[in-house]
């Protein structure tokens, strides 16, 4: 132990009471930092697990959506001009929210549907079933993309905060073990 780590005090009851209060405050602070670090670690692992699962599922969903697009084009012909001409406003929109984890706000995106389906009668003459399947598959793909964007946007910020709180917690535990 070096001399600079020691606090110069006069040995009295008042000084003992003050040091006990400082020790109690330091222990409380360390415990709070530990709890925050544990909560952030738990959330970090949950997000990482969900990102991996969503990316794996995303490949399957996009493959299925691309195949259903090929099926719909084969049965209904080229319907892209009809779709482009009838677009007025988006049906699926994204809402940004904030999630609080141990005092840390993380961005969360969620999708919602607004308005009615203006393409209900598209493909009525031929290929209507394939077009309905196409809509379902791409709607599922958009849902997964929004979920993945939400997870990936909160991941880097959470990673930095986890490192900072872990380092703070480690510094506090080193100080308490020295003294």
C-alpha atoms as a PDB file:
ATOM      1  CA  UNK A   1       0.000   0.000   0.000  1.00  0.00           C
ATOM      2  CA  UNK A   2       1.325   3.399  -0.904  1.00  0.00           C
ATOM      3  CA  UNK A   3       0.958   6.474   1.257  1.00  0.00           C
ATOM      4  CA  UNK A   4      -1.165   8.323  -1.314  1.00  0.00           C
ATOM      5  CA  UNK A   5      -4.054   5.841  -0.889  1.00  0.00           C
ATOM      6  CA  UNK A   6      -4.386   6.692   2.794  1.00  0.00           C
ATOM      7  CA  UNK A   7      -6.662   9.438   4.080  1.00  0.00           C
ATOM      8  CA  UNK A   8      -5.148  11.682   6.751  1.00  0.00           C
ATOM      9  CA  UNK A   9      -7.578  11.878   9.699  1.00  0.00           C
ATOM     10  CA  UNK A  10      -7.339  12.560  13.381  1.00  0.00           C
ATOM     11  CA  UNK A  11      -8.304   9.456  15.418  1.00  0.00           C
ATOM     12  CA  UNK A  12     -11.518  10.499  17.133  1.00  0.00           C
ATOM     13  CA  UNK A  13     -15.101   9.265  17.404  1.00  0.00           C
ATOM     14  CA  UNK A  14     -16.336  11.927  15.003  1.00  0.00           C
ATOM     15  CA  UNK A  15     -13.754  10.939  12.397  1.00  0.00           C
ATOM     16  CA  UNK A  16     -14.729   7.269  12.852  1.00  0.00           C
ATOM     17  CA  UNK A  17     -18.406   8.119  12.306  1.00  0.00           C
ATOM     18  CA  UNK A  18     -17.556  10.117   9.173  1.00  0.00           C
ATOM     19  CA  UNK A  19     -15.418   7.283   7.775  1.00  0.00           C
ATOM     20  CA  UNK A  20     -18.164   4.729   8.462  1.00  0.00           C
ATOM     21  CA  UNK A  21     -20.642   6.929   6.589  1.00  0.00           C
ATOM     22  CA  UNK A  22     -18.218   7.277   3.655  1.00  0.00           C
ATOM     23  CA  UNK A  23     -17.677   3.506   3.598  1.00  0.00           C
ATOM     24  CA  UNK A  24     -21.442   2.885   3.649  1.00  0.00           C
ATOM     25  CA  UNK A  25     -21.916   5.353   0.762  1.00  0.00           C
ATOM     26  CA  UNK A  26     -19.129   3.717  -1.244  1.00  0.00           C
ATOM     27  CA  UNK A  27     -20.623   0.245  -0.693  1.00  0.00           C
ATOM     28  CA  UNK A  28     -24.081   1.463  -1.722  1.00  0.00           C
ATOM     29  CA  UNK A  29     -22.656   3.088  -4.857  1.00  0.00           C
ATOM     30  CA  UNK A  30     -20.744  -0.060  -5.754  1.00  0.00           C
ATOM     31  CA  UNK A  31     -23.868  -2.205  -5.292  1.00  0.00           C
ATOM     32  CA  UNK A  32     -25.926   0.140  -7.487  1.00  0.00           C
ATOM     33  CA  UNK A  33     -23.278   0.064 -10.210  1.00  0.00           C
ATOM     34  CA  UNK A  34     -23.187  -3.739  -9.987  1.00  0.00           C
ATOM     35  CA  UNK A  35     -26.990  -3.977 -10.328  1.00  0.00           C
ATOM     36  CA  UNK A  36     -26.946  -1.607 -13.302  1.00  0.00           C
ATOM     37  CA  UNK A  37     -24.148  -3.559 -14.941  1.00  0.00           C
ATOM     38  CA  UNK A  38     -26.013  -6.836 -14.395  1.00  0.00           C
ATOM     39  CA  UNK A  39     -29.240  -5.422 -15.861  1.00  0.00           C
ATOM     40  CA  UNK A  40     -27.399  -4.065 -18.908  1.00  0.00           C
ATOM     41  CA  UNK A  41     -25.566  -7.376 -19.392  1.00  0.00           C
ATOM     42  CA  UNK A  42     -28.833  -9.295 -19.244  1.00  0.00           C
ATOM     43  CA  UNK A  43     -30.488  -7.008 -21.783  1.00  0.00           C
ATOM     44  CA  UNK A  44     -27.377  -7.088 -23.994  1.00  0.00           C
ATOM     45  CA  UNK A  45     -27.455 -10.886 -24.120  1.00  0.00           C
ATOM     46  CA  UNK A  46     -31.198 -10.919 -24.835  1.00  0.00           C
ATOM     47  CA  UNK A  47     -30.775  -8.476 -27.712  1.00  0.00           C
ATOM     48  CA  UNK A  48     -27.822 -10.412 -29.119  1.00  0.00           C
ATOM     49  CA  UNK A  49     -29.790 -13.674 -28.997  1.00  0.00           C
ATOM     50  CA  UNK A  50     -32.810 -12.043 -30.679  1.00  0.00           C
ATOM     51  CA  UNK A  51     -30.611 -10.510 -33.394  1.00  0.00           C
ATOM     52  CA  UNK A  52     -29.159 -13.902 -34.263  1.00  0.00           C
ATOM     53  CA  UNK A  53     -32.588 -15.574 -34.302  1.00  0.00           C
ATOM     54  CA  UNK A  54     -34.126 -12.784 -36.393  1.00  0.00           C
ATOM     55  CA  UNK A  55     -31.312 -12.849 -38.945  1.00  0.00           C
ATOM     56  CA  UNK A  56     -31.657 -16.597 -39.353  1.00  0.00           C
ATOM     57  CA  UNK A  57     -35.427 -16.278 -39.786  1.00  0.00           C
ATOM     58  CA  UNK A  58     -34.972 -13.303 -42.125  1.00  0.00           C
ATOM     59  CA  UNK A  59     -33.136 -15.436 -44.691  1.00  0.00           C
ATOM     60  CA  UNK A  60     -35.959 -17.959 -44.815  1.00  0.00           C
ATOM     61  CA  UNK A  61     -38.678 -15.305 -44.988  1.00  0.00           C
ATOM     62  CA  UNK A  62     -36.948 -13.354 -47.761  1.00  0.00           C
ATOM     63  CA  UNK A  63     -36.394 -16.544 -49.758  1.00  0.00           C
ATOM     64  CA  UNK A  64     -40.069 -17.400 -49.426  1.00  0.00           C
ATOM     65  CA  UNK A  65     -41.113 -13.837 -50.341  1.00  0.00           C
ATOM     66  CA  UNK A  66     -38.917 -13.817 -53.453  1.00  0.00           C
ATOM     67  CA  UNK A  67     -40.348 -17.163 -54.527  1.00  0.00           C
ATOM     68  CA  UNK A  68     -43.909 -15.948 -54.012  1.00  0.00           C
ATOM     69  CA  UNK A  69     -43.090 -12.863 -56.125  1.00  0.00           C
ATOM     70  CA  UNK A  70     -41.928 -15.157 -58.939  1.00  0.00           C
ATOM     71  CA  UNK A  71     -45.106 -17.245 -58.587  1.00  0.00           C
ATOM     72  CA  UNK A  72     -47.321 -14.150 -58.662  1.00  0.00           C
ATOM     73  CA  UNK A  73     -45.551 -12.729 -61.722  1.00  0.00           C
ATOM     74  CA  UNK A  74     -45.921 -16.073 -63.477  1.00  0.00           C
ATOM     75  CA  UNK A  75     -49.662 -16.388 -62.811  1.00  0.00           C
ATOM     76  CA  UNK A  76     -50.816 -12.738 -62.859  1.00  0.00           C
ATOM     77  CA  UNK A  77     -48.370 -11.319 -65.360  1.00  0.00           C
ATOM     78  CA  UNK A  78     -46.526  -8.048 -64.776  1.00  0.00           C
ATOM     79  CA  UNK A  79     -48.532  -6.168 -62.169  1.00  0.00           C
ATOM     80  CA  UNK A  80     -45.807  -3.743 -61.089  1.00  0.00           C
ATOM     81  CA  UNK A  81     -47.201  -0.838 -63.149  1.00  0.00           C
ATOM     82  CA  UNK A  82     -50.622  -1.270 -61.527  1.00  0.00           C
ATOM     83  CA  UNK A  83     -49.083  -1.188 -58.070  1.00  0.00           C
ATOM     84  CA  UNK A  84     -46.892   1.846 -58.801  1.00  0.00           C
ATOM     85  CA  UNK A  85     -49.822   3.840 -60.241  1.00  0.00           C
ATOM     86  CA  UNK A  86     -52.097   3.157 -57.284  1.00  0.00           C
ATOM     87  CA  UNK A  87     -49.683   4.167 -54.520  1.00  0.00           C
ATOM     88  CA  UNK A  88     -50.969   7.213 -52.625  1.00  0.00           C
ATOM     89  CA  UNK A  89     -49.477   6.788 -49.168  1.00  0.00           C
ATOM     90  CA  UNK A  90     -47.799   4.085 -47.153  1.00  0.00           C
ATOM     91  CA  UNK A  91     -49.949   1.518 -45.373  1.00  0.00           C
ATOM     92  CA  UNK A  92     -47.227   0.256 -43.060  1.00  0.00           C
ATOM     93  CA  UNK A  93     -45.579   2.931 -40.967  1.00  0.00           C
ATOM     94  CA  UNK A  94     -42.953   2.885 -38.244  1.00  0.00           C
ATOM     95  CA  UNK A  95     -43.264   4.452 -34.823  1.00  0.00           C
ATOM     96  CA  UNK A  96     -40.172   5.203 -32.721  1.00  0.00           C
ATOM     97  CA  UNK A  97     -40.337   4.711 -28.970  1.00  0.00           C
ATOM     98  CA  UNK A  98     -37.837   4.702 -26.147  1.00  0.00           C
ATOM     99  CA  UNK A  99     -37.198   1.799 -23.788  1.00  0.00           C
ATOM    100  CA  UNK A 100     -35.635   2.365 -20.365  1.00  0.00           C
ATOM    101  CA  UNK A 101     -33.161  -0.231 -19.083  1.00  0.00           C
ATOM    102  CA  UNK A 102     -31.473   0.646 -15.791  1.00  0.00           C
ATOM    103  CA  UNK A 103     -31.665   4.371 -16.505  1.00  0.00           C
ATOM    104  CA  UNK A 104     -30.513   3.990 -20.104  1.00  0.00           C
ATOM    105  CA  UNK A 105     -32.912   4.877 -22.918  1.00  0.00           C
ATOM    106  CA  UNK A 106     -32.756   2.632 -25.963  1.00  0.00           C
ATOM    107  CA  UNK A 107     -34.569   3.277 -29.268  1.00  0.00           C
ATOM    108  CA  UNK A 108     -37.323   0.820 -30.161  1.00  0.00           C
ATOM    109  CA  UNK A 109     -39.179   0.754 -33.484  1.00  0.00           C
ATOM    110  CA  UNK A 110     -42.584  -0.774 -34.026  1.00  0.00           C
ATOM    111  CA  UNK A 111     -44.640  -0.996 -37.175  1.00  0.00           C
ATOM    112  CA  UNK A 112     -48.338  -0.326 -37.522  1.00  0.00           C
ATOM    113  CA  UNK A 113     -50.883  -0.396 -40.329  1.00  0.00           C
ATOM    114  CA  UNK A 114     -52.700   2.762 -41.330  1.00  0.00           C
ATOM    115  CA  UNK A 115     -55.512   2.921 -43.838  1.00  0.00           C
ATOM    116  CA  UNK A 116     -57.161   0.238 -45.897  1.00  0.00           C
ATOM    117  CA  UNK A 117     -55.698  -2.087 -48.494  1.00  0.00           C
ATOM    118  CA  UNK A 118     -56.034  -0.357 -51.860  1.00  0.00           C
ATOM    119  CA  UNK A 119     -54.953  -3.534 -53.659  1.00  0.00           C
ATOM    120  CA  UNK A 120     -57.779  -5.801 -52.529  1.00  0.00           C
ATOM    121  CA  UNK A 121     -59.076  -6.260 -56.053  1.00  0.00           C
ATOM    122  CA  UNK A 122     -55.676  -6.564 -57.724  1.00  0.00           C
ATOM    123  CA  UNK A 123     -55.392  -9.963 -59.354  1.00  0.00           C
ATOM    124  CA  UNK A 124     -59.130 -10.562 -59.337  1.00  0.00           C
ATOM    125  CA  UNK A 125     -59.035 -11.709 -62.949  1.00  0.00           C
ATOM    126  CA  UNK A 126     -56.121 -14.106 -62.417  1.00  0.00           C
ATOM    127  CA  UNK A 127     -53.487 -14.869 -59.838  1.00  0.00           C
ATOM    128  CA  UNK A 128     -55.407 -13.472 -56.875  1.00  0.00           C
ATOM    129  CA  UNK A 129     -54.355 -16.253 -54.502  1.00  0.00           C
ATOM    130  CA  UNK A 130     -50.671 -15.805 -55.389  1.00  0.00           C
ATOM    131  CA  UNK A 131     -50.957 -12.032 -54.916  1.00  0.00           C
ATOM    132  CA  UNK A 132     -52.524 -12.499 -51.474  1.00  0.00           C
ATOM    133  CA  UNK A 133     -49.705 -14.892 -50.566  1.00  0.00           C
ATOM    134  CA  UNK A 134     -47.197 -12.342 -51.877  1.00  0.00           C
ATOM    135  CA  UNK A 135     -48.691  -9.608 -49.677  1.00  0.00           C
ATOM    136  CA  UNK A 136     -48.569 -11.838 -46.585  1.00  0.00           C
ATOM    137  CA  UNK A 137     -44.968 -12.862 -47.206  1.00  0.00           C
ATOM    138  CA  UNK A 138     -43.699  -9.339 -47.775  1.00  0.00           C
ATOM    139  CA  UNK A 139     -45.684  -8.039 -44.781  1.00  0.00           C
ATOM    140  CA  UNK A 140     -43.926 -10.639 -42.640  1.00  0.00           C
ATOM    141  CA  UNK A 141     -40.580  -9.585 -44.138  1.00  0.00           C
ATOM    142  CA  UNK A 142     -41.260  -5.935 -43.309  1.00  0.00           C
ATOM    143  CA  UNK A 143     -42.180  -6.878 -39.723  1.00  0.00           C
ATOM    144  CA  UNK A 144     -38.908  -8.758 -39.326  1.00  0.00           C
ATOM    145  CA  UNK A 145     -36.905  -5.918 -40.884  1.00  0.00           C
ATOM    146  CA  UNK A 146     -38.417  -3.416 -38.452  1.00  0.00           C
ATOM    147  CA  UNK A 147     -37.695  -5.717 -35.507  1.00  0.00           C
ATOM    148  CA  UNK A 148     -34.128  -6.245 -36.709  1.00  0.00           C
ATOM    149  CA  UNK A 149     -33.613  -2.498 -37.186  1.00  0.00           C
ATOM    150  CA  UNK A 150     -34.876  -1.888 -33.669  1.00  0.00           C
ATOM    151  CA  UNK A 151     -32.533  -4.471 -32.173  1.00  0.00           C
ATOM    152  CA  UNK A 152     -29.512  -3.387 -34.175  1.00  0.00           C
ATOM    153  CA  UNK A 153     -30.005   0.307 -33.422  1.00  0.00           C
ATOM    154  CA  UNK A 154     -30.066  -0.302 -29.667  1.00  0.00           C
ATOM    155  CA  UNK A 155     -27.167  -2.788 -29.722  1.00  0.00           C
ATOM    156  CA  UNK A 156     -24.155  -0.406 -30.178  1.00  0.00           C
ATOM    157  CA  UNK A 157     -25.352   2.091 -27.586  1.00  0.00           C
ATOM    158  CA  UNK A 158     -26.013  -0.666 -25.089  1.00  0.00           C
ATOM    159  CA  UNK A 159     -22.588  -2.144 -25.777  1.00  0.00           C
ATOM    160  CA  UNK A 160     -20.831   1.167 -25.020  1.00  0.00           C
ATOM    161  CA  UNK A 161     -22.871   1.765 -21.865  1.00  0.00           C
ATOM    162  CA  UNK A 162     -22.200  -1.770 -20.689  1.00  0.00           C
ATOM    163  CA  UNK A 163     -18.457  -1.271 -21.080  1.00  0.00           C
ATOM    164  CA  UNK A 164     -18.584   2.056 -19.235  1.00  0.00           C
ATOM    165  CA  UNK A 165     -20.663   0.739 -16.338  1.00  0.00           C
ATOM    166  CA  UNK A 166     -18.540  -2.413 -16.080  1.00  0.00           C
ATOM    167  CA  UNK A 167     -15.359  -0.357 -15.961  1.00  0.00           C
ATOM    168  CA  UNK A 168     -16.864   1.949 -13.321  1.00  0.00           C
ATOM    169  CA  UNK A 169     -17.953  -1.036 -11.276  1.00  0.00           C
ATOM    170  CA  UNK A 170     -14.504  -2.639 -11.578  1.00  0.00           C
ATOM    171  CA  UNK A 171     -12.781   0.604 -10.502  1.00  0.00           C
ATOM    172  CA  UNK A 172     -15.067   0.864  -7.484  1.00  0.00           C
ATOM    173  CA  UNK A 173     -14.428  -2.755  -6.480  1.00  0.00           C
ATOM    174  CA  UNK A 174     -10.656  -2.217  -6.796  1.00  0.00           C
ATOM    175  CA  UNK A 175     -10.837   0.873  -4.592  1.00  0.00           C
ATOM    176  CA  UNK A 176     -12.853  -0.925  -1.937  1.00  0.00           C
ATOM    177  CA  UNK A 177     -10.499  -3.931  -1.927  1.00  0.00           C
ATOM    178  CA  UNK A 178      -7.448  -1.672  -1.529  1.00  0.00           C
ATOM    179  CA  UNK A 179      -8.890   0.337   1.354  1.00  0.00           C
END
